[in-house]
Amino acid sequence: MQADDDIRLMRRIKRDIAERGREVRGVLKAYHRFVKPSYEQYIKPTMKRADIIVPRGRGKEHYEKHDFAISFIAQNLEYRLRE
């Protein structure tokens, strides 16, 4: 599932504070030191070879693309499970 960089960071901050008892400064430090570089090195390059990227966004056109992607994945899984 693709999400904007800012949204990923916001989710991480909220989660790490609420569920892991971390402070914002520590979350930001770890994000910039480890998480973001790892994303750039390992995740982002694989997107070129992905069969499908589930878009995430606002607006009707984004939700239609999101729904189509989820439907595609579900149908593919159902087909493979029947094999």
N, C-alpha and C. Protein backbone atom coordinates (compact mmCIF):
# COMPACT_ATOMS: atom_id res chain seq x y z
N MET A 1 0.86 -1.17 0.00
CA MET A 1 0.00 0.00 0.00
C MET A 1 0.90 1.22 0.00
N GLN A 2 0.68 2.07 -0.93
CA GLN A 2 1.49 3.27 -1.06
C GLN A 2 0.88 4.40 -0.24
N ALA A 3 1.73 5.10 0.48
CA ALA A 3 1.29 6.27 1.25
C ALA A 3 2.34 7.36 1.12
N ASP A 4 1.89 8.57 1.20
CA ASP A 4 2.78 9.73 1.15
C ASP A 4 3.79 9.67 2.30
N ASP A 5 5.00 10.18 2.05
CA ASP A 5 6.05 10.18 3.08
C ASP A 5 5.59 10.82 4.39
N ASP A 6 4.92 11.94 4.29
CA ASP A 6 4.46 12.65 5.49
C ASP A 6 3.43 11.83 6.27
N ILE A 7 2.57 11.14 5.55
CA ILE A 7 1.56 10.31 6.21
C ILE A 7 2.22 9.13 6.91
N ARG A 8 3.20 8.51 6.27
CA ARG A 8 3.93 7.40 6.91
C ARG A 8 4.61 7.87 8.20
N LEU A 9 5.23 9.03 8.14
CA LEU A 9 5.90 9.55 9.32
C LEU A 9 4.90 9.86 10.43
N MET A 10 3.79 10.49 10.08
CA MET A 10 2.76 10.81 11.07
C MET A 10 2.24 9.54 11.75
N ARG A 11 1.98 8.51 10.95
CA ARG A 11 1.48 7.24 11.52
C ARG A 11 2.50 6.63 12.47
N ARG A 12 3.77 6.69 12.08
CA ARG A 12 4.84 6.13 12.92
C ARG A 12 4.93 6.89 14.24
N ILE A 13 4.87 8.21 14.18
CA ILE A 13 4.94 9.02 15.40
C ILE A 13 3.79 8.67 16.33
N LYS A 14 2.58 8.66 15.78
CA LYS A 14 1.40 8.34 16.61
C LYS A 14 1.51 6.96 17.23
N ARG A 15 1.90 5.96 16.42
CA ARG A 15 2.00 4.59 16.91
C ARG A 15 3.09 4.45 17.97
N ASP A 16 4.27 4.98 17.68
CA ASP A 16 5.39 4.81 18.60
C ASP A 16 5.17 5.52 19.93
N ILE A 17 4.49 6.64 19.90
CA ILE A 17 4.18 7.33 21.16
C ILE A 17 3.12 6.56 21.94
N ALA A 18 2.03 6.20 21.25
CA ALA A 18 0.90 5.55 21.93
C ALA A 18 1.20 4.12 22.35
N GLU A 19 1.84 3.34 21.49
CA GLU A 19 2.00 1.91 21.75
C GLU A 19 3.36 1.52 22.30
N ARG A 20 4.36 2.36 22.10
CA ARG A 20 5.71 1.99 22.50
C ARG A 20 6.32 2.95 23.51
N GLY A 21 5.56 3.98 23.90
CA GLY A 21 6.01 4.90 24.93
C GLY A 21 7.21 5.75 24.54
N ARG A 22 7.41 5.97 23.27
CA ARG A 22 8.56 6.75 22.82
C ARG A 22 8.22 8.24 22.77
N GLU A 23 9.27 9.05 22.70
CA GLU A 23 9.09 10.50 22.58
C GLU A 23 9.29 10.91 21.13
N VAL A 24 8.69 12.03 20.75
CA VAL A 24 8.74 12.49 19.37
C VAL A 24 10.18 12.63 18.87
N ARG A 25 11.03 13.20 19.68
CA ARG A 25 12.42 13.39 19.26
C ARG A 25 13.09 12.06 18.89
N GLY A 26 12.87 11.03 19.69
CA GLY A 26 13.46 9.73 19.42
C GLY A 26 12.88 9.08 18.18
N VAL A 27 11.58 9.24 17.99
CA VAL A 27 10.93 8.68 16.80
C VAL A 27 11.49 9.34 15.55
N LEU A 28 11.61 10.65 15.57
CA LEU A 28 12.14 11.38 14.41
C LEU A 28 13.59 11.00 14.12
N LYS A 29 14.37 10.86 15.17
CA LYS A 29 15.77 10.49 15.00
C LYS A 29 15.89 9.11 14.34
N ALA A 30 15.14 8.15 14.84
CA ALA A 30 15.18 6.79 14.28
C ALA A 30 14.64 6.78 12.85
N TYR A 31 13.60 7.54 12.61
CA TYR A 31 13.00 7.59 11.28
C TYR A 31 14.02 8.09 10.26
N HIS A 32 14.66 9.19 10.56
CA HIS A 32 15.61 9.79 9.61
C HIS A 32 16.91 8.99 9.50
N ARG A 33 17.26 8.30 10.57
CA ARG A 33 18.53 7.56 10.57
C ARG A 33 18.40 6.16 9.96
N PHE A 34 17.27 5.51 10.21
CA PHE A 34 17.13 4.12 9.78
C PHE A 34 15.95 3.86 8.83
N VAL A 35 14.78 4.33 9.21
CA VAL A 35 13.56 3.96 8.48
C VAL A 35 13.53 4.54 7.07
N LYS A 36 13.71 5.83 6.95
CA LYS A 36 13.64 6.46 5.63
C LYS A 36 14.75 5.95 4.70
N PRO A 37 16.01 5.87 5.15
CA PRO A 37 17.03 5.32 4.25
C PRO A 37 16.75 3.87 3.83
N SER A 38 16.21 3.07 4.74
CA SER A 38 15.87 1.68 4.40
C SER A 38 14.76 1.63 3.36
N TYR A 39 13.77 2.51 3.52
CA TYR A 39 12.69 2.59 2.54
C TYR A 39 13.26 2.95 1.17
N GLU A 40 14.11 3.96 1.13
CA GLU A 40 14.70 4.40 -0.13
C GLU A 40 15.55 3.31 -0.77
N GLN A 41 16.26 2.54 0.04
CA GLN A 41 17.17 1.52 -0.48
C GLN A 41 16.46 0.22 -0.87
N TYR A 42 15.48 -0.21 -0.06
CA TYR A 42 14.90 -1.53 -0.27
C TYR A 42 13.47 -1.53 -0.82
N ILE A 43 12.63 -0.66 -0.33
CA ILE A 43 11.21 -0.69 -0.71
C ILE A 43 10.94 0.05 -2.01
N LYS A 44 11.36 1.29 -2.07
CA LYS A 44 11.06 2.11 -3.24
C LYS A 44 11.53 1.49 -4.56
N PRO A 45 12.75 0.93 -4.62
CA PRO A 45 13.18 0.33 -5.89
C PRO A 45 12.32 -0.86 -6.34
N THR A 46 11.74 -1.58 -5.40
CA THR A 46 10.93 -2.75 -5.77
C THR A 46 9.59 -2.35 -6.37
N MET A 47 9.19 -1.10 -6.18
CA MET A 47 7.90 -0.66 -6.72
C MET A 47 7.88 -0.75 -8.24
N LYS A 48 9.05 -0.65 -8.87
CA LYS A 48 9.13 -0.76 -10.33
C LYS A 48 8.72 -2.14 -10.81
N ARG A 49 8.94 -3.15 -9.97
CA ARG A 49 8.66 -4.53 -10.36
C ARG A 49 7.34 -5.05 -9.77
N ALA A 50 6.63 -4.21 -9.06
CA ALA A 50 5.39 -4.65 -8.42
C ALA A 50 4.30 -4.92 -9.46
N ASP A 51 3.54 -5.95 -9.23
CA ASP A 51 2.40 -6.23 -10.10
C ASP A 51 1.31 -5.18 -9.92
N ILE A 52 1.16 -4.73 -8.69
CA ILE A 52 0.15 -3.73 -8.40
C ILE A 52 0.58 -2.94 -7.16
N ILE A 53 0.31 -1.66 -7.20
CA ILE A 53 0.55 -0.79 -6.05
C ILE A 53 -0.81 -0.24 -5.66
N VAL A 54 -1.19 -0.47 -4.43
CA VAL A 54 -2.49 0.00 -3.96
C VAL A 54 -2.35 1.46 -3.57
N PRO A 55 -3.00 2.35 -4.34
CA PRO A 55 -2.87 3.77 -4.04
C PRO A 55 -3.67 4.17 -2.82
N ARG A 56 -3.19 5.17 -2.14
CA ARG A 56 -3.89 5.71 -0.97
C ARG A 56 -3.94 7.21 -1.15
N GLY A 57 -5.10 7.79 -1.02
CA GLY A 57 -5.20 9.23 -1.18
C GLY A 57 -6.59 9.73 -0.91
N ARG A 58 -6.77 10.99 -1.20
CA ARG A 58 -8.07 11.63 -0.98
C ARG A 58 -8.72 11.92 -2.33
N GLY A 59 -9.99 12.00 -2.30
CA GLY A 59 -10.72 12.32 -3.52
C GLY A 59 -11.30 11.07 -4.17
N LYS A 60 -12.36 11.28 -4.91
CA LYS A 60 -13.10 10.19 -5.53
C LYS A 60 -12.22 9.34 -6.43
N GLU A 61 -11.36 9.99 -7.25
CA GLU A 61 -10.54 9.22 -8.19
C GLU A 61 -9.56 8.32 -7.46
N HIS A 62 -9.07 8.71 -6.30
CA HIS A 62 -8.15 7.86 -5.55
C HIS A 62 -8.88 6.67 -4.94
N TYR A 63 -10.08 6.91 -4.41
CA TYR A 63 -10.84 5.82 -3.82
C TYR A 63 -11.25 4.80 -4.87
N GLU A 64 -11.57 5.25 -6.08
CA GLU A 64 -11.92 4.32 -7.15
C GLU A 64 -10.72 3.45 -7.51
N LYS A 65 -9.54 4.05 -7.60
CA LYS A 65 -8.33 3.28 -7.89
C LYS A 65 -8.02 2.32 -6.75
N HIS A 66 -8.20 2.78 -5.51
CA HIS A 66 -7.96 1.94 -4.34
C HIS A 66 -8.91 0.74 -4.35
N ASP A 67 -10.19 1.00 -4.57
CA ASP A 67 -11.18 -0.08 -4.60
C ASP A 67 -10.87 -1.08 -5.71
N PHE A 68 -10.46 -0.58 -6.88
CA PHE A 68 -10.11 -1.46 -7.99
C PHE A 68 -8.93 -2.35 -7.61
N ALA A 69 -7.91 -1.76 -7.00
CA ALA A 69 -6.72 -2.52 -6.62
C ALA A 69 -7.05 -3.60 -5.59
N ILE A 70 -7.84 -3.25 -4.59
CA ILE A 70 -8.23 -4.22 -3.57
C ILE A 70 -9.06 -5.35 -4.20
N SER A 71 -9.97 -5.00 -5.09
CA SER A 71 -10.78 -6.00 -5.77
C SER A 71 -9.90 -6.94 -6.60
N PHE A 72 -8.92 -6.38 -7.29
CA PHE A 72 -7.99 -7.17 -8.09
C PHE A 72 -7.24 -8.16 -7.22
N ILE A 73 -6.75 -7.71 -6.09
CA ILE A 73 -5.99 -8.57 -5.18
C ILE A 73 -6.89 -9.68 -4.64
N ALA A 74 -8.10 -9.33 -4.22
CA ALA A 74 -9.02 -10.32 -3.67
C ALA A 74 -9.37 -11.38 -4.71
N GLN A 75 -9.65 -10.97 -5.93
CA GLN A 75 -9.99 -11.92 -6.97
C GLN A 75 -8.80 -12.83 -7.29
N ASN A 76 -7.62 -12.27 -7.31
CA ASN A 76 -6.42 -13.05 -7.57
C ASN A 76 -6.21 -14.09 -6.48
N LEU A 77 -6.38 -13.69 -5.23
CA LEU A 77 -6.22 -14.63 -4.11
C LEU A 77 -7.27 -15.74 -4.17
N GLU A 78 -8.51 -15.38 -4.45
CA GLU A 78 -9.56 -16.38 -4.56
C GLU A 78 -9.24 -17.39 -5.67
N TYR A 79 -8.78 -16.90 -6.80
CA TYR A 79 -8.42 -17.77 -7.92
C TYR A 79 -7.31 -18.73 -7.51
N ARG A 80 -6.28 -18.20 -6.86
CA ARG A 80 -5.14 -19.04 -6.47
C ARG A 80 -5.53 -20.06 -5.40
N LEU A 81 -6.43 -19.67 -4.51
CA LEU A 81 -6.86 -20.60 -3.46
C LEU A 81 -7.69 -21.74 -4.05
N ARG A 82 -8.40 -21.46 -5.13
CA ARG A 82 -9.21 -22.51 -5.77
C ARG A 82 -8.36 -23.49 -6.55
N GLU A 83 -7.16 -23.07 -6.96
CA GLU A 83 -6.29 -23.96 -7.76
C GLU A 83 -5.80 -25.14 -6.95
